[in-house]
Structures are given as C-alpha cells and as structure tokens.
C-alpha cells in the first residue's frame, strides 16, 4: 500500500468470487494504514487498486471479467488516487 510501511501480504485470489469480495478483504486488511478514505472500489476513495498483469504492465482494476483477471494478475498494489491519475490509471 502506497504510503504505508514497505511490506507485502499475500492474497489468494482463488478464495474470492468477485471484485467486491476482494475489495472488502483489502479494506479490512489495510484500514489501519489509510490516510483518508480507503474504501477501495468506491468512486470517492482516496486510494485505487491496480495490478500487474502477466506481461508486466500496471492496469486499473475492474476492466476485465473476474475469471480473466485472476488468471492474469501477478501483483496487486493499493496506490493513492492522485498517483493513479498522474500515471493514467
């Protein structure tokens, strides 16, 4: 998570059936580190969830059907919404 201590957590995407379930789990996991409105997956959130695909490109969440996403996702990152807009996500 951008702005939090540098550490990683593993998330098994196969335990979730939809983006909403993943957003809920991540909101609970990182709520204590958020500065501002975490609410990942909501339009008014101060943070956005992005992922690195199998080619190595960073992509915005929610553009692909869930099953396609979980087969191509290699890494997740929670970044500030301002950073996401700066890089075009």
C-alpha atoms as a PDB file:
ATOM      1  CA  UNK A   1       0.000   0.000   0.000  1.00  0.00           C
ATOM      2  CA  UNK A   2       1.440   3.336  -1.071  1.00  0.00           C
ATOM      3  CA  UNK A   3       2.260   5.482   1.951  1.00  0.00           C
ATOM      4  CA  UNK A   4       2.331   2.583   4.434  1.00  0.00           C
ATOM      5  CA  UNK A   5       5.348   0.745   5.724  1.00  0.00           C
ATOM      6  CA  UNK A   6       7.064  -1.233   2.999  1.00  0.00           C
ATOM      7  CA  UNK A   7       5.878  -4.795   3.409  1.00  0.00           C
ATOM      8  CA  UNK A   8       3.831  -7.207   1.411  1.00  0.00           C
ATOM      9  CA  UNK A   9       0.956  -9.518   2.112  1.00  0.00           C
ATOM     10  CA  UNK A  10      -0.061 -12.482   0.038  1.00  0.00           C
ATOM     11  CA  UNK A  11      -3.649 -12.764  -1.109  1.00  0.00           C
ATOM     12  CA  UNK A  12      -5.082 -15.946  -2.634  1.00  0.00           C
ATOM     13  CA  UNK A  13      -7.362 -14.619  -5.376  1.00  0.00           C
ATOM     14  CA  UNK A  14      -8.987 -18.040  -5.760  1.00  0.00           C
ATOM     15  CA  UNK A  15     -10.684 -17.520  -2.375  1.00  0.00           C
ATOM     16  CA  UNK A  16     -12.795 -14.733  -3.856  1.00  0.00           C
ATOM     17  CA  UNK A  17     -15.619 -14.901  -6.387  1.00  0.00           C
ATOM     18  CA  UNK A  18     -15.781 -11.248  -7.458  1.00  0.00           C
ATOM     19  CA  UNK A  19     -14.025  -7.895  -7.267  1.00  0.00           C
ATOM     20  CA  UNK A  20     -16.340  -6.772  -4.449  1.00  0.00           C
ATOM     21  CA  UNK A  21     -15.174  -9.592  -2.176  1.00  0.00           C
ATOM     22  CA  UNK A  22     -11.538  -8.729  -2.858  1.00  0.00           C
ATOM     23  CA  UNK A  23     -12.183  -5.020  -2.190  1.00  0.00           C
ATOM     24  CA  UNK A  24     -13.874  -5.858   1.131  1.00  0.00           C
ATOM     25  CA  UNK A  25     -10.982  -8.055   2.266  1.00  0.00           C
ATOM     26  CA  UNK A  26      -8.355  -5.456   1.329  1.00  0.00           C
ATOM     27  CA  UNK A  27     -10.290  -2.640   3.001  1.00  0.00           C
ATOM     28  CA  UNK A  28     -10.328  -4.664   6.227  1.00  0.00           C
ATOM     29  CA  UNK A  29      -6.660  -5.646   5.874  1.00  0.00           C
ATOM     30  CA  UNK A  30      -5.345  -2.107   5.354  1.00  0.00           C
ATOM     31  CA  UNK A  31      -7.856   0.170   7.114  1.00  0.00           C
ATOM     32  CA  UNK A  32      -5.419   0.997   9.926  1.00  0.00           C
ATOM     33  CA  UNK A  33      -2.807   2.289   7.453  1.00  0.00           C
ATOM     34  CA  UNK A  34      -5.073   4.513   5.377  1.00  0.00           C
ATOM     35  CA  UNK A  35      -4.718   8.265   5.485  1.00  0.00           C
ATOM     36  CA  UNK A  36      -8.077   9.466   4.194  1.00  0.00           C
ATOM     37  CA  UNK A  37     -10.930   7.434   2.774  1.00  0.00           C
ATOM     38  CA  UNK A  38      -9.678   3.930   1.964  1.00  0.00           C
ATOM     39  CA  UNK A  39     -12.957   2.476   0.545  1.00  0.00           C
ATOM     40  CA  UNK A  40     -11.185   0.608  -2.264  1.00  0.00           C
ATOM     41  CA  UNK A  41     -13.542   0.063  -5.161  1.00  0.00           C
ATOM     42  CA  UNK A  42     -15.655   3.169  -4.441  1.00  0.00           C
ATOM     43  CA  UNK A  43     -15.552   6.252  -6.661  1.00  0.00           C
ATOM     44  CA  UNK A  44     -14.907   8.644  -3.750  1.00  0.00           C
ATOM     45  CA  UNK A  45     -11.973   6.650  -2.365  1.00  0.00           C
ATOM     46  CA  UNK A  46      -8.596   8.295  -1.819  1.00  0.00           C
ATOM     47  CA  UNK A  47      -6.976   5.031  -2.971  1.00  0.00           C
ATOM     48  CA  UNK A  48      -7.134   2.841  -6.073  1.00  0.00           C
ATOM     49  CA  UNK A  49      -6.290  -0.802  -6.550  1.00  0.00           C
ATOM     50  CA  UNK A  50      -4.053  -1.612  -9.524  1.00  0.00           C
ATOM     51  CA  UNK A  51      -2.479  -4.848 -10.667  1.00  0.00           C
ATOM     52  CA  UNK A  52       0.472  -6.044 -12.707  1.00  0.00           C
ATOM     53  CA  UNK A  53      -0.587  -8.371 -15.498  1.00  0.00           C
ATOM     54  CA  UNK A  54       1.311 -11.336 -16.966  1.00  0.00           C
ATOM     55  CA  UNK A  55       3.145  -9.007 -19.400  1.00  0.00           C
ATOM     56  CA  UNK A  56       4.341  -6.709 -16.597  1.00  0.00           C
ATOM     57  CA  UNK A  57       2.023  -3.751 -17.277  1.00  0.00           C
ATOM     58  CA  UNK A  58       0.216  -1.993 -14.415  1.00  0.00           C
ATOM     59  CA  UNK A  59      -3.532  -1.921 -15.059  1.00  0.00           C
ATOM     60  CA  UNK A  60      -6.623  -0.475 -13.351  1.00  0.00           C
ATOM     61  CA  UNK A  61      -8.868  -2.962 -11.556  1.00  0.00           C
ATOM     62  CA  UNK A  62     -12.296  -3.915 -12.819  1.00  0.00           C
ATOM     63  CA  UNK A  63     -11.747  -3.707 -16.568  1.00  0.00           C
ATOM     64  CA  UNK A  64     -11.723  -7.468 -17.111  1.00  0.00           C
ATOM     65  CA  UNK A  65     -14.174 -10.194 -16.152  1.00  0.00           C
ATOM     66  CA  UNK A  66     -13.214 -11.693 -12.769  1.00  0.00           C
ATOM     67  CA  UNK A  67     -12.021 -15.077 -14.114  1.00  0.00           C
ATOM     68  CA  UNK A  68      -9.817 -13.424 -16.725  1.00  0.00           C
ATOM     69  CA  UNK A  69      -8.370 -11.105 -14.076  1.00  0.00           C
ATOM     70  CA  UNK A  70      -7.399 -13.872 -11.630  1.00  0.00           C
ATOM     71  CA  UNK A  71      -5.579 -15.854 -14.319  1.00  0.00           C
ATOM     72  CA  UNK A  72      -3.523 -12.846 -15.477  1.00  0.00           C
ATOM     73  CA  UNK A  73      -2.855 -10.992 -12.213  1.00  0.00           C
ATOM     74  CA  UNK A  74       0.700 -11.261 -10.907  1.00  0.00           C
ATOM     75  CA  UNK A  75       0.774  -8.482  -8.300  1.00  0.00           C
ATOM     76  CA  UNK A  76      -1.608  -6.023  -6.607  1.00  0.00           C
ATOM     77  CA  UNK A  77      -0.882  -2.558  -5.267  1.00  0.00           C
ATOM     78  CA  UNK A  78      -3.007  -0.003  -3.435  1.00  0.00           C
ATOM     79  CA  UNK A  79      -1.991   3.472  -4.606  1.00  0.00           C
ATOM     80  CA  UNK A  80      -3.243   6.956  -3.883  1.00  0.00           C
ATOM     81  CA  UNK A  81      -5.920   8.152  -6.323  1.00  0.00           C
ATOM     82  CA  UNK A  82      -3.788  11.195  -7.142  1.00  0.00           C
ATOM     83  CA  UNK A  83      -0.892   8.932  -8.162  1.00  0.00           C
ATOM     84  CA  UNK A  84      -3.239   6.787 -10.260  1.00  0.00           C
ATOM     85  CA  UNK A  85      -4.497   9.811 -12.187  1.00  0.00           C
ATOM     86  CA  UNK A  86      -0.913  11.041 -12.744  1.00  0.00           C
ATOM     87  CA  UNK A  87       0.014   7.768 -14.436  1.00  0.00           C
ATOM     88  CA  UNK A  88      -3.253   7.462 -16.335  1.00  0.00           C
ATOM     89  CA  UNK A  89      -4.983   4.726 -14.348  1.00  0.00           C
END
